[in-house]
Structures are given as structure tokens and as C-alpha cells.
Amino acid sequence: MTLCEGRTVIITGAARGLGKAYALGFAAEGANVVVNDIGTSLAGEGRDTSAADAVVAEINAGGVGKAIANYEDVTDWDAAKRIVDAAIAAFGDLHVVVNNAGIVRDRMFVSATLDEWDSTMHVHLRGHFCIARHAVDYWRGRQKQGHAVDARIINTTSGAGLQGSIAQAAYSTAKGGIASLTLVQAAELGRYGITANALAPSARTRMTEQAFADKMATGGDAFDVMDPANIAPTVVWLGSAESAHVTGCVFELEGGKIMLEDGWREGPQVGKQEKWAPADVGRAVDALLGERSEPRRVWGS
């Protein structure tokens, strides 16, 4: 029996790059896959359904998992429900949502525009919200009807969201928000049989080839560290029944590396049983800075 046999998975932004690797990975383990992609450019412009259709054709020709294409916009509340409904109509149930779709608007903060900021938040944060919200409605309904629920939300954050990235203020902010959203989902939804985890993947995609060209270039080594296919096995496992005990986690993934993020923790502190005088705060803060662990650098700094 394959790892995800009988499980149905929605993957957004699944026509290329990481999303395509996930779709092929889930299908190879027997899953039913909804390949959702509106086929926009990296800047979020235009429409092209051919890439999603090609992924579906490849999966269905493989003879293990099954797939359908879907071209709905994940940022549209009603369209997101239609994605969930399409999965259930085609395969009878839904078990996993992989929120992968995104755009990028690279710009130094002093040059950033309101439209760029809003569009980045719209696709990443609203997109993650809409489809997961409708999926959770379905899963809660199933539980109330007496059915066992074993569901997964897998979100996509980024190293940019965890530590910041030069010229990516909007993207970093959105991805940081997704990491926090994941923690809240995990805390609230476990009672319904739903886990929530997030990925911070590093791999070759249209987005990263533009932002980190040198790092993403193939080096001719036997193991292509930046191949998106390297990320898929962890995602597939997180979507399987075997991962029911894992929730509220953020995984950084690159090549053969799986790293569990340790999150925000309380660091050094100082206190006294009286109000601080402003003139005394500086010495206290300097002492705390001397005790803290070296922080991770902002990408590009």
C-alpha cells in the first residue's frame, strides 16, 4: 500500500516548481490530486491553463494516483469554496490542503508601493486563509456527522518570513504572517482532527531563480541540491496518515536537509520590583544584548 492511497489533496500553485513537485510526489504515493493553478506570470499577470493540464496528464498517465485540474483563484472567497467542492465531487472526500501559491514584488522598502504591498498580502495571506477556511468548514461538518477526520493543512512560509530578506519587505511580512497563522491553526483545530504545519523550502523555482540566481544555478554535482523534487517527500509525509502527531511545526527544507525551526523563545531578561527610570533602561538593554545568542542575519545583509 502506498503512503497516501485513498487520500485527496488540493495543491495550490501546482503547475510549476515546488507545487508541481508536490503534485507528482503525492500522486506517486497513491493520492488523488487537485492541481490548482490560474497560470499567471511571476508578477501575477495573465492566465494560462496549459501548465496545470500538463501536470494532470503526467499524473494520470502514471497510473498510480489520479488528478484533476482546477483554475480557480484562491484569493476569491467563493472560488476557494469551489476548489474544495471540486475535490469532493471528483474524489468523494478531502484530506489535505497544501497552500503553495504565491507571488513576489521585490523592492527596497524606500521604493515600495501600496499596490505592491496589497497584492502580496492578498495572494499570500488571503489565499492561505480562503481555501483553508472552506476546507475546515467541510472537516468540522464531517466530524459533527460522526465521521473520523484525519486532515492536514500544510502552509508555505519562507526563510524570508522567518528572518527577513533585503528588498522583500512585503514578501517577508506575508510569509512571517503565515508562520504565525500556522501556530494558531494548530492550536485551534486539533480538536477536529486537523493538523497544521508550515514549510520554509529552498529550491529552484521561477521566484528564486530571479532573486537568488547564483545559489539556484545547477553546479553539475551528482545531487542537485536545489531540485524542487527534494522538498516533496517531507510534504507528502506531512500529508499522510502517519503524521497525525505532528502539528504546529515549521520545517526548513533544502536538498537533503530537514530542519525543525525552534521558533521565538524567551531570551535573557532583567527585572526589578519597581518602575524603570528611562535613563537606566539603556544599561539594562546593553547587558541583555551581551547575553543573547547571535541572531540569524537578514537575507542579503
C-alpha atoms as a PDB file:
ATOM      1  CA  MET A   1       0.000   0.000   0.000  1.00  0.00           C
ATOM      2  CA  THR A   2       1.324   3.442  -0.896  1.00  0.00           C
ATOM      3  CA  LEU A   3       1.699   6.151   1.744  1.00  0.00           C
ATOM      4  CA  CYS A   4      -1.245   8.323   0.636  1.00  0.00           C
ATOM      5  CA  GLU A   5      -3.511   5.800  -1.057  1.00  0.00           C
ATOM      6  CA  GLY A   6      -7.108   6.997  -0.945  1.00  0.00           C
ATOM      7  CA  ARG A   7      -6.236  10.468   0.342  1.00  0.00           C
ATOM      8  CA  THR A   8      -7.304  13.556  -1.604  1.00  0.00           C
ATOM      9  CA  VAL A   9      -5.024  16.570  -1.764  1.00  0.00           C
ATOM     10  CA  ILE A  10      -5.535  20.119  -3.021  1.00  0.00           C
ATOM     11  CA  ILE A  11      -2.284  21.820  -4.033  1.00  0.00           C
ATOM     12  CA  THR A  12      -2.397  25.486  -4.992  1.00  0.00           C
ATOM     13  CA  GLY A  13       0.100  26.863  -7.475  1.00  0.00           C
ATOM     14  CA  ALA A  14       0.687  23.278  -8.582  1.00  0.00           C
ATOM     15  CA  ALA A  15       1.530  23.748 -12.249  1.00  0.00           C
ATOM     16  CA  ARG A  16       5.232  24.526 -11.865  1.00  0.00           C
ATOM     17  CA  GLY A  17       8.181  24.416  -9.493  1.00  0.00           C
ATOM     18  CA  LEU A  18       7.527  23.236  -5.961  1.00  0.00           C
ATOM     19  CA  GLY A  19       3.782  22.817  -6.488  1.00  0.00           C
ATOM     20  CA  LYS A  20       4.338  20.511  -9.437  1.00  0.00           C
ATOM     21  CA  ALA A  21       6.901  18.509  -7.461  1.00  0.00           C
ATOM     22  CA  TYR A  22       4.387  18.114  -4.638  1.00  0.00           C
ATOM     23  CA  ALA A  23       1.630  17.039  -7.032  1.00  0.00           C
ATOM     24  CA  LEU A  24       3.837  14.393  -8.635  1.00  0.00           C
ATOM     25  CA  GLY A  25       5.089  13.256  -5.217  1.00  0.00           C
ATOM     26  CA  PHE A  26       1.610  12.820  -3.775  1.00  0.00           C
ATOM     27  CA  ALA A  27       0.396  11.023  -6.900  1.00  0.00           C
ATOM     28  CA  ALA A  28       3.344   8.611  -6.766  1.00  0.00           C
ATOM     29  CA  GLU A  29       2.149   7.669  -3.273  1.00  0.00           C
ATOM     30  CA  GLY A  30      -1.393   6.963  -4.494  1.00  0.00           C
ATOM     31  CA  ALA A  31      -3.131  10.251  -3.678  1.00  0.00           C
ATOM     32  CA  ASN A  32      -5.904  11.932  -5.618  1.00  0.00           C
ATOM     33  CA  VAL A  33      -4.592  15.375  -6.512  1.00  0.00           C
ATOM     34  CA  VAL A  34      -6.368  18.611  -7.380  1.00  0.00           C
ATOM     35  CA  VAL A  35      -3.821  20.597  -9.399  1.00  0.00           C
ATOM     36  CA  ASN A  36      -4.921  24.170  -8.776  1.00  0.00           C
ATOM     37  CA  ASP A  37      -3.222  26.923 -10.756  1.00  0.00           C
ATOM     38  CA  ILE A  38      -4.559  30.000 -12.545  1.00  0.00           C
ATOM     39  CA  GLY A  39      -1.449  30.134 -14.715  1.00  0.00           C
ATOM     40  CA  THR A  40      -0.249  33.655 -14.032  1.00  0.00           C
ATOM     41  CA  SER A  41       3.167  35.109 -14.582  1.00  0.00           C
ATOM     42  CA  LEU A  42       5.531  35.545 -11.661  1.00  0.00           C
ATOM     43  CA  ALA A  43       4.105  39.042 -11.295  1.00  0.00           C
ATOM     44  CA  GLY A  44       0.569  37.649 -11.064  1.00  0.00           C
ATOM     45  CA  GLU A  45      -0.462  38.663 -14.584  1.00  0.00           C
ATOM     46  CA  GLY A  46      -2.226  36.752 -17.351  1.00  0.00           C
ATOM     47  CA  ARG A  47      -3.877  33.327 -17.431  1.00  0.00           C
ATOM     48  CA  ASP A  48      -2.669  30.018 -18.905  1.00  0.00           C
ATOM     49  CA  THR A  49      -4.227  26.652 -18.084  1.00  0.00           C
ATOM     50  CA  SER A  50      -1.866  24.535 -20.163  1.00  0.00           C
ATOM     51  CA  ALA A  51       0.748  24.030 -17.441  1.00  0.00           C
ATOM     52  CA  ALA A  52      -1.806  22.655 -14.949  1.00  0.00           C
ATOM     53  CA  ASP A  53      -3.268  20.426 -17.667  1.00  0.00           C
ATOM     54  CA  ALA A  54       0.200  19.033 -18.412  1.00  0.00           C
ATOM     55  CA  VAL A  55       0.754  18.084 -14.761  1.00  0.00           C
ATOM     56  CA  VAL A  56      -2.625  16.348 -14.645  1.00  0.00           C
ATOM     57  CA  ALA A  57      -1.846  14.449 -17.836  1.00  0.00           C
ATOM     58  CA  GLU A  58       1.502  13.313 -16.420  1.00  0.00           C
ATOM     59  CA  ILE A  59      -0.114  12.085 -13.208  1.00  0.00           C
ATOM     60  CA  ASN A  60      -2.959  10.245 -14.905  1.00  0.00           C
ATOM     61  CA  ALA A  61      -0.559   8.616 -17.350  1.00  0.00           C
ATOM     62  CA  GLY A  62       1.481   7.295 -14.425  1.00  0.00           C
ATOM     63  CA  GLY A  63      -1.304   5.013 -13.285  1.00  0.00           C
ATOM     64  CA  VAL A  64      -0.791   5.367  -9.503  1.00  0.00           C
ATOM     65  CA  GLY A  65      -2.566   8.478  -8.256  1.00  0.00           C
ATOM     66  CA  LYS A  66      -5.283  10.411 -10.073  1.00  0.00           C
ATOM     67  CA  ALA A  67      -5.601  14.111 -10.787  1.00  0.00           C
ATOM     68  CA  ILE A  68      -7.915  16.832 -11.986  1.00  0.00           C
ATOM     69  CA  ALA A  69      -7.037  20.390 -12.952  1.00  0.00           C
ATOM     70  CA  ASN A  70      -8.592  23.440 -11.348  1.00  0.00           C
ATOM     71  CA  TYR A  71      -8.121  27.043 -12.438  1.00  0.00           C
ATOM     72  CA  GLU A  72      -9.920  28.931  -9.662  1.00  0.00           C
ATOM     73  CA  ASP A  73      -8.379  31.920  -7.859  1.00  0.00           C
ATOM     74  CA  VAL A  74      -7.511  31.037  -4.248  1.00  0.00           C
ATOM     75  CA  THR A  75      -7.877  34.682  -3.181  1.00  0.00           C
ATOM     76  CA  ASP A  76     -11.565  34.731  -4.166  1.00  0.00           C
ATOM     77  CA  TRP A  77     -13.761  33.559  -1.272  1.00  0.00           C
ATOM     78  CA  ASP A  78     -16.411  31.876  -3.435  1.00  0.00           C
ATOM     79  CA  ALA A  79     -13.842  30.449  -5.857  1.00  0.00           C
ATOM     80  CA  ALA A  80     -11.919  28.889  -2.970  1.00  0.00           C
ATOM     81  CA  LYS A  81     -15.061  27.033  -1.930  1.00  0.00           C
ATOM     82  CA  ARG A  82     -15.465  25.798  -5.484  1.00  0.00           C
ATOM     83  CA  ILE A  83     -11.950  24.311  -5.283  1.00  0.00           C
ATOM     84  CA  VAL A  84     -12.907  22.368  -2.151  1.00  0.00           C
ATOM     85  CA  ASP A  85     -16.211  21.323  -3.713  1.00  0.00           C
ATOM     86  CA  ALA A  86     -14.444  20.156  -6.876  1.00  0.00           C
ATOM     87  CA  ALA A  87     -12.128  17.897  -4.876  1.00  0.00           C
ATOM     88  CA  ILE A  88     -15.035  16.305  -3.028  1.00  0.00           C
ATOM     89  CA  ALA A  89     -17.118  15.935  -6.188  1.00  0.00           C
ATOM     90  CA  ALA A  90     -14.276  14.254  -8.074  1.00  0.00           C
ATOM     91  CA  PHE A  91     -12.886  12.003  -5.339  1.00  0.00           C
ATOM     92  CA  GLY A  92     -15.520  11.778  -2.614  1.00  0.00           C
ATOM     93  CA  ASP A  93     -13.546  13.361   0.214  1.00  0.00           C
ATOM     94  CA  LEU A  94     -10.774  15.806   1.094  1.00  0.00           C
ATOM     95  CA  HIS A  95      -7.837  15.174   3.428  1.00  0.00           C
ATOM     96  CA  VAL A  96      -5.060  17.689   2.700  1.00  0.00           C
ATOM     97  CA  VAL A  97      -4.686  21.310   1.632  1.00  0.00           C
ATOM     98  CA  VAL A  98      -1.201  22.402   0.543  1.00  0.00           C
ATOM     99  CA  ASN A  99      -1.103  26.194   0.341  1.00  0.00           C
ATOM    100  CA  ASN A 100       1.714  26.831  -2.127  1.00  0.00           C
ATOM    101  CA  ALA A 101       0.527  29.593  -4.481  1.00  0.00           C
ATOM    102  CA  GLY A 102       2.292  32.929  -4.199  1.00  0.00           C
ATOM    103  CA  ILE A 103       3.742  35.936  -5.968  1.00  0.00           C
ATOM    104  CA  VAL A 104       6.682  38.225  -5.278  1.00  0.00           C
ATOM    105  CA  ARG A 105       7.143  42.004  -5.532  1.00  0.00           C
ATOM    106  CA  ASP A 106      10.817  42.595  -4.807  1.00  0.00           C
ATOM    107  CA  ARG A 107      11.525  46.207  -3.906  1.00  0.00           C
ATOM    108  CA  MET A 108      13.656  48.080  -1.395  1.00  0.00           C
ATOM    109  CA  PHE A 109      11.393  49.424   1.327  1.00  0.00           C
ATOM    110  CA  VAL A 110      12.084  53.068   0.415  1.00  0.00           C
ATOM    111  CA  SER A 111      10.710  52.358  -3.073  1.00  0.00           C
ATOM    112  CA  ALA A 112       7.833  50.011  -2.171  1.00  0.00           C
ATOM    113  CA  THR A 113       4.360  50.982  -3.334  1.00  0.00           C
ATOM    114  CA  LEU A 114       0.991  50.452  -1.727  1.00  0.00           C
ATOM    115  CA  ASP A 115      -0.259  48.384  -4.687  1.00  0.00           C
ATOM    116  CA  GLU A 116       2.728  46.040  -4.445  1.00  0.00           C
ATOM    117  CA  TRP A 117       2.224  45.671  -0.713  1.00  0.00           C
ATOM    118  CA  ASP A 118      -1.508  44.976  -1.036  1.00  0.00           C
ATOM    119  CA  SER A 119      -1.144  42.474  -3.872  1.00  0.00           C
ATOM    120  CA  THR A 120       1.489  40.489  -1.969  1.00  0.00           C
ATOM    121  CA  MET A 121      -0.647  40.317   1.173  1.00  0.00           C
ATOM    122  CA  HIS A 122      -3.685  39.468  -0.928  1.00  0.00           C
ATOM    123  CA  VAL A 123      -2.194  36.415  -2.626  1.00  0.00           C
ATOM    124  CA  HIS A 124      -0.215  35.012   0.293  1.00  0.00           C
ATOM    125  CA  LEU A 125      -2.333  35.776   3.357  1.00  0.00           C
ATOM    126  CA  ARG A 126      -5.823  35.926   1.892  1.00  0.00           C
ATOM    127  CA  GLY A 127      -5.013  32.983  -0.385  1.00  0.00           C
ATOM    128  CA  HIS A 128      -3.896  30.858   2.560  1.00  0.00           C
ATOM    129  CA  PHE A 129      -6.982  31.895   4.520  1.00  0.00           C
ATOM    130  CA  CYS A 130      -9.753  31.354   1.970  1.00  0.00           C
ATOM    131  CA  ILE A 131      -9.164  27.785   0.902  1.00  0.00           C
ATOM    132  CA  ALA A 132      -8.165  26.537   4.357  1.00  0.00           C
ATOM    133  CA  ARG A 133     -11.246  28.158   5.871  1.00  0.00           C
ATOM    134  CA  HIS A 134     -13.573  26.335   3.470  1.00  0.00           C
ATOM    135  CA  ALA A 135     -11.704  23.060   3.990  1.00  0.00           C
ATOM    136  CA  VAL A 136     -12.050  23.432   7.764  1.00  0.00           C
ATOM    137  CA  ASP A 137     -15.804  24.008   7.373  1.00  0.00           C
ATOM    138  CA  TYR A 138     -16.021  20.721   5.477  1.00  0.00           C
ATOM    139  CA  TRP A 139     -13.925  18.813   8.020  1.00  0.00           C
ATOM    140  CA  ARG A 140     -15.846  20.185  11.002  1.00  0.00           C
ATOM    141  CA  GLY A 141     -19.067  19.202   9.301  1.00  0.00           C
ATOM    142  CA  ARG A 142     -17.762  15.682   8.799  1.00  0.00           C
ATOM    143  CA  GLN A 143     -16.818  15.413  12.446  1.00  0.00           C
ATOM    144  CA  LYS A 144     -20.226  16.640  13.593  1.00  0.00           C
ATOM    145  CA  GLN A 145     -21.780  13.920  11.436  1.00  0.00           C
ATOM    146  CA  GLY A 146     -19.772  11.319  13.345  1.00  0.00           C
ATOM    147  CA  HIS A 147     -17.051  10.672  10.781  1.00  0.00           C
ATOM    148  CA  ALA A 148     -13.409  10.345  11.807  1.00  0.00           C
ATOM    149  CA  VAL A 149     -11.355  13.251  10.443  1.00  0.00           C
ATOM    150  CA  ASP A 150      -7.638  12.935   9.728  1.00  0.00           C
ATOM    151  CA  ALA A 151      -6.909  16.174   7.903  1.00  0.00           C
ATOM    152  CA  ARG A 152      -3.864  18.303   7.147  1.00  0.00           C
ATOM    153  CA  ILE A 153      -3.177  21.950   6.410  1.00  0.00           C
ATOM    154  CA  ILE A 154       0.328  22.493   5.015  1.00  0.00           C
ATOM    155  CA  ASN A 155       1.257  26.145   4.637  1.00  0.00           C
ATOM    156  CA  THR A 156       4.207  27.790   2.906  1.00  0.00           C
ATOM    157  CA  THR A 157       6.304  30.304   4.779  1.00  0.00           C
ATOM    158  CA  SER A 158       9.891  31.181   3.843  1.00  0.00           C
ATOM    159  CA  GLY A 159      13.306  31.921   5.240  1.00  0.00           C
ATOM    160  CA  ALA A 160      12.394  35.499   4.327  1.00  0.00           C
ATOM    161  CA  GLY A 161       9.430  35.292   6.667  1.00  0.00           C
ATOM    162  CA  LEU A 162      11.460  33.769   9.487  1.00  0.00           C
ATOM    163  CA  GLN A 163      14.427  36.118   9.407  1.00  0.00           C
ATOM    164  CA  GLY A 164      13.691  38.838   6.866  1.00  0.00           C
ATOM    165  CA  SER A 165      15.171  39.476   3.433  1.00  0.00           C
ATOM    166  CA  ILE A 166      16.592  42.651   1.899  1.00  0.00           C
ATOM    167  CA  ALA A 167      14.312  44.090  -0.827  1.00  0.00           C
ATOM    168  CA  GLN A 168      11.465  41.786   0.235  1.00  0.00           C
ATOM    169  CA  ALA A 169       9.625  43.698   2.944  1.00  0.00           C
ATOM    170  CA  ALA A 170       6.154  42.762   1.712  1.00  0.00           C
ATOM    171  CA  TYR A 171       7.032  39.148   0.950  1.00  0.00           C
ATOM    172  CA  SER A 172       8.828  38.711   4.285  1.00  0.00           C
ATOM    173  CA  THR A 173       5.890  40.208   6.168  1.00  0.00           C
ATOM    174  CA  ALA A 174       3.366  37.969   4.433  1.00  0.00           C
ATOM    175  CA  LYS A 175       5.448  34.852   4.984  1.00  0.00           C
ATOM    176  CA  GLY A 176       6.004  35.731   8.636  1.00  0.00           C
ATOM    177  CA  GLY A 177       2.247  36.075   8.995  1.00  0.00           C
ATOM    178  CA  ILE A 178       1.760  32.624   7.511  1.00  0.00           C
ATOM    179  CA  ALA A 179       4.095  31.100  10.103  1.00  0.00           C
ATOM    180  CA  SER A 180       2.029  32.703  12.879  1.00  0.00           C
ATOM    181  CA  LEU A 181      -1.221  31.627  11.215  1.00  0.00           C
ATOM    182  CA  THR A 182       0.045  28.046  11.255  1.00  0.00           C
ATOM    183  CA  LEU A 183       0.604  28.152  15.020  1.00  0.00           C
ATOM    184  CA  VAL A 184      -2.921  29.432  15.609  1.00  0.00           C
ATOM    185  CA  GLN A 185      -4.471  26.850  13.277  1.00  0.00           C
ATOM    186  CA  ALA A 186      -2.604  24.049  15.040  1.00  0.00           C
ATOM    187  CA  ALA A 187      -3.737  25.254  18.470  1.00  0.00           C
ATOM    188  CA  GLU A 188      -7.380  25.688  17.477  1.00  0.00           C
ATOM    189  CA  LEU A 189      -8.059  22.869  15.034  1.00  0.00           C
ATOM    190  CA  GLY A 190      -6.574  19.798  16.699  1.00  0.00           C
ATOM    191  CA  ARG A 191      -9.901  19.094  18.405  1.00  0.00           C
ATOM    192  CA  TYR A 192     -11.407  18.480  14.958  1.00  0.00           C
ATOM    193  CA  GLY A 193      -8.727  16.036  13.798  1.00  0.00           C
ATOM    194  CA  ILE A 194      -6.861  18.681  11.773  1.00  0.00           C
ATOM    195  CA  THR A 195      -3.121  19.333  11.953  1.00  0.00           C
ATOM    196  CA  ALA A 196      -1.375  22.455  10.633  1.00  0.00           C
ATOM    197  CA  ASN A 197       2.295  22.728   9.744  1.00  0.00           C
ATOM    198  CA  ALA A 198       4.370  25.053   7.572  1.00  0.00           C
ATOM    199  CA  LEU A 199       7.318  24.734   5.227  1.00  0.00           C
ATOM    200  CA  ALA A 200      10.158  27.123   4.501  1.00  0.00           C
ATOM    201  CA  PRO A 201      11.514  25.469   1.338  1.00  0.00           C
ATOM    202  CA  SER A 202      14.663  26.416  -0.528  1.00  0.00           C
ATOM    203  CA  ALA A 203      14.585  25.176  -4.111  1.00  0.00           C
ATOM    204  CA  ARG A 204      14.799  26.281  -7.730  1.00  0.00           C
ATOM    205  CA  THR A 205      11.588  27.988  -8.842  1.00  0.00           C
ATOM    206  CA  ARG A 206      10.657  30.906 -11.076  1.00  0.00           C
ATOM    207  CA  MET A 207      10.686  33.090  -7.986  1.00  0.00           C
ATOM    208  CA  THR A 208      14.041  32.020  -6.536  1.00  0.00           C
ATOM    209  CA  GLU A 209      15.832  31.892  -9.880  1.00  0.00           C
ATOM    210  CA  GLN A 210      15.127  35.593 -10.207  1.00  0.00           C
ATOM    211  CA  ALA A 211      16.023  36.576  -6.633  1.00  0.00           C
ATOM    212  CA  PHE A 212      18.944  34.197  -5.948  1.00  0.00           C
ATOM    213  CA  ALA A 213      20.330  33.306  -9.358  1.00  0.00           C
ATOM    214  CA  ASP A 214      23.786  32.217  -8.193  1.00  0.00           C
ATOM    215  CA  LYS A 215      22.515  29.959  -5.425  1.00  0.00           C
ATOM    216  CA  MET A 216      19.891  28.333  -7.663  1.00  0.00           C
ATOM    217  CA  ALA A 217      22.222  27.563 -10.573  1.00  0.00           C
ATOM    218  CA  THR A 218      22.960  23.897 -11.201  1.00  0.00           C
ATOM    219  CA  GLY A 219      26.541  23.065 -10.309  1.00  0.00           C
ATOM    220  CA  GLY A 220      26.898  19.795 -12.213  1.00  0.00           C
ATOM    221  CA  ASP A 221      27.073  17.770  -8.988  1.00  0.00           C
ATOM    222  CA  ALA A 222      25.536  14.312  -8.777  1.00  0.00           C
ATOM    223  CA  PHE A 223      22.999  15.614  -6.239  1.00  0.00           C
ATOM    224  CA  ASP A 224      21.130  18.708  -7.405  1.00  0.00           C
ATOM    225  CA  VAL A 225      20.523  20.365  -4.047  1.00  0.00           C
ATOM    226  CA  MET A 226      18.075  22.912  -5.454  1.00  0.00           C
ATOM    227  CA  ASP A 227      15.845  20.459  -7.312  1.00  0.00           C
ATOM    228  CA  PRO A 228      12.242  21.080  -6.121  1.00  0.00           C
ATOM    229  CA  ALA A 229      11.721  17.316  -6.052  1.00  0.00           C
ATOM    230  CA  ASN A 230      13.918  17.177  -2.946  1.00  0.00           C
ATOM    231  CA  ILE A 231      11.262  19.034  -0.947  1.00  0.00           C
ATOM    232  CA  ALA A 232       8.334  16.844  -1.952  1.00  0.00           C
ATOM    233  CA  PRO A 233       8.968  13.755   0.258  1.00  0.00           C
ATOM    234  CA  THR A 234       8.585  15.724   3.504  1.00  0.00           C
ATOM    235  CA  VAL A 235       5.444  17.415   2.206  1.00  0.00           C
ATOM    236  CA  VAL A 236       3.964  14.085   1.143  1.00  0.00           C
ATOM    237  CA  TRP A 237       4.721  12.542   4.533  1.00  0.00           C
ATOM    238  CA  LEU A 238       3.139  15.517   6.320  1.00  0.00           C
ATOM    239  CA  GLY A 239       0.024  14.920   4.227  1.00  0.00           C
ATOM    240  CA  SER A 240      -0.134  11.227   5.086  1.00  0.00           C
ATOM    241  CA  ALA A 241      -1.933   9.468   7.929  1.00  0.00           C
ATOM    242  CA  GLU A 242       1.446   8.808   9.547  1.00  0.00           C
ATOM    243  CA  SER A 243       1.918  12.473  10.521  1.00  0.00           C
ATOM    244  CA  ALA A 244      -1.146  12.817  12.761  1.00  0.00           C
ATOM    245  CA  HIS A 245       1.043  13.503  15.813  1.00  0.00           C
ATOM    246  CA  VAL A 246       2.902  16.433  14.188  1.00  0.00           C
ATOM    247  CA  THR A 247       1.295  19.864  14.341  1.00  0.00           C
ATOM    248  CA  GLY A 248       2.296  23.489  14.894  1.00  0.00           C
ATOM    249  CA  CYS A 249       5.724  22.915  13.352  1.00  0.00           C
ATOM    250  CA  VAL A 250       7.728  24.908  10.810  1.00  0.00           C
ATOM    251  CA  PHE A 251      10.230  22.937   8.744  1.00  0.00           C
ATOM    252  CA  GLU A 252      13.075  24.472   6.756  1.00  0.00           C
ATOM    253  CA  LEU A 253      13.827  22.190   3.810  1.00  0.00           C
ATOM    254  CA  GLU A 254      16.718  22.296   1.356  1.00  0.00           C
ATOM    255  CA  GLY A 255      18.172  19.440  -0.662  1.00  0.00           C
ATOM    256  CA  GLY A 256      18.502  16.524   1.746  1.00  0.00           C
ATOM    257  CA  LYS A 257      18.146  18.709   4.856  1.00  0.00           C
ATOM    258  CA  ILE A 258      15.089  18.698   7.116  1.00  0.00           C
ATOM    259  CA  MET A 259      15.363  21.292   9.885  1.00  0.00           C
ATOM    260  CA  LEU A 260      12.759  21.921  12.563  1.00  0.00           C
ATOM    261  CA  GLU A 261      12.508  25.608  13.429  1.00  0.00           C
ATOM    262  CA  ASP A 262      12.709  26.335  17.146  1.00  0.00           C
ATOM    263  CA  GLY A 263      10.515  29.427  16.983  1.00  0.00           C
ATOM    264  CA  TRP A 264      10.516  32.532  19.152  1.00  0.00           C
ATOM    265  CA  ARG A 265      11.685  31.762  22.671  1.00  0.00           C
ATOM    266  CA  GLU A 266      12.185  33.936  25.726  1.00  0.00           C
ATOM    267  CA  GLY A 267      15.753  35.172  25.867  1.00  0.00           C
ATOM    268  CA  PRO A 268      17.807  36.897  28.558  1.00  0.00           C
ATOM    269  CA  GLN A 269      15.882  39.149  30.899  1.00  0.00           C
ATOM    270  CA  VAL A 270      16.361  41.537  33.756  1.00  0.00           C
ATOM    271  CA  GLY A 271      13.781  42.831  36.204  1.00  0.00           C
ATOM    272  CA  LYS A 272      13.235  44.634  39.485  1.00  0.00           C
ATOM    273  CA  GLN A 273      10.332  45.331  41.785  1.00  0.00           C
ATOM    274  CA  GLU A 274       9.911  48.939  40.781  1.00  0.00           C
ATOM    275  CA  LYS A 275       9.326  51.112  37.741  1.00  0.00           C
ATOM    276  CA  TRP A 276      12.323  51.688  35.481  1.00  0.00           C
ATOM    277  CA  ALA A 277      13.762  55.142  35.098  1.00  0.00           C
ATOM    278  CA  PRO A 278      14.282  55.891  31.381  1.00  0.00           C
ATOM    279  CA  ALA A 279      17.936  56.735  31.995  1.00  0.00           C
ATOM    280  CA  ASP A 280      18.537  53.236  33.427  1.00  0.00           C
ATOM    281  CA  VAL A 281      16.984  51.300  30.534  1.00  0.00           C
ATOM    282  CA  GLY A 282      19.990  51.699  28.233  1.00  0.00           C
ATOM    283  CA  ARG A 283      22.377  49.880  30.563  1.00  0.00           C
ATOM    284  CA  ALA A 284      19.861  47.075  31.037  1.00  0.00           C
ATOM    285  CA  VAL A 285      19.321  46.625  27.291  1.00  0.00           C
ATOM    286  CA  ASP A 286      23.063  46.656  26.598  1.00  0.00           C
ATOM    287  CA  ALA A 287      23.532  43.899  29.189  1.00  0.00           C
ATOM    288  CA  LEU A 288      20.761  41.818  27.584  1.00  0.00           C
ATOM    289  CA  LEU A 289      22.303  42.242  24.118  1.00  0.00           C
ATOM    290  CA  GLY A 290      25.577  40.938  25.504  1.00  0.00           C
ATOM    291  CA  GLU A 291      23.865  37.793  26.819  1.00  0.00           C
ATOM    292  CA  ARG A 292      21.709  36.855  23.836  1.00  0.00           C
ATOM    293  CA  SER A 293      22.572  34.247  21.241  1.00  0.00           C
ATOM    294  CA  GLU A 294      23.796  35.615  17.919  1.00  0.00           C
ATOM    295  CA  PRO A 295      20.691  36.285  15.805  1.00  0.00           C
ATOM    296  CA  ARG A 296      20.377  34.987  12.263  1.00  0.00           C
ATOM    297  CA  ARG A 297      21.197  37.626   9.701  1.00  0.00           C
ATOM    298  CA  VAL A 298      18.575  39.103   7.424  1.00  0.00           C
ATOM    299  CA  TRP A 299      18.968  37.529   3.982  1.00  0.00           C
ATOM    300  CA  GLY A 300      21.097  39.735   1.740  1.00  0.00           C
ATOM    301  CA  SER A 301      22.614  41.732   4.587  1.00  0.00           C
END
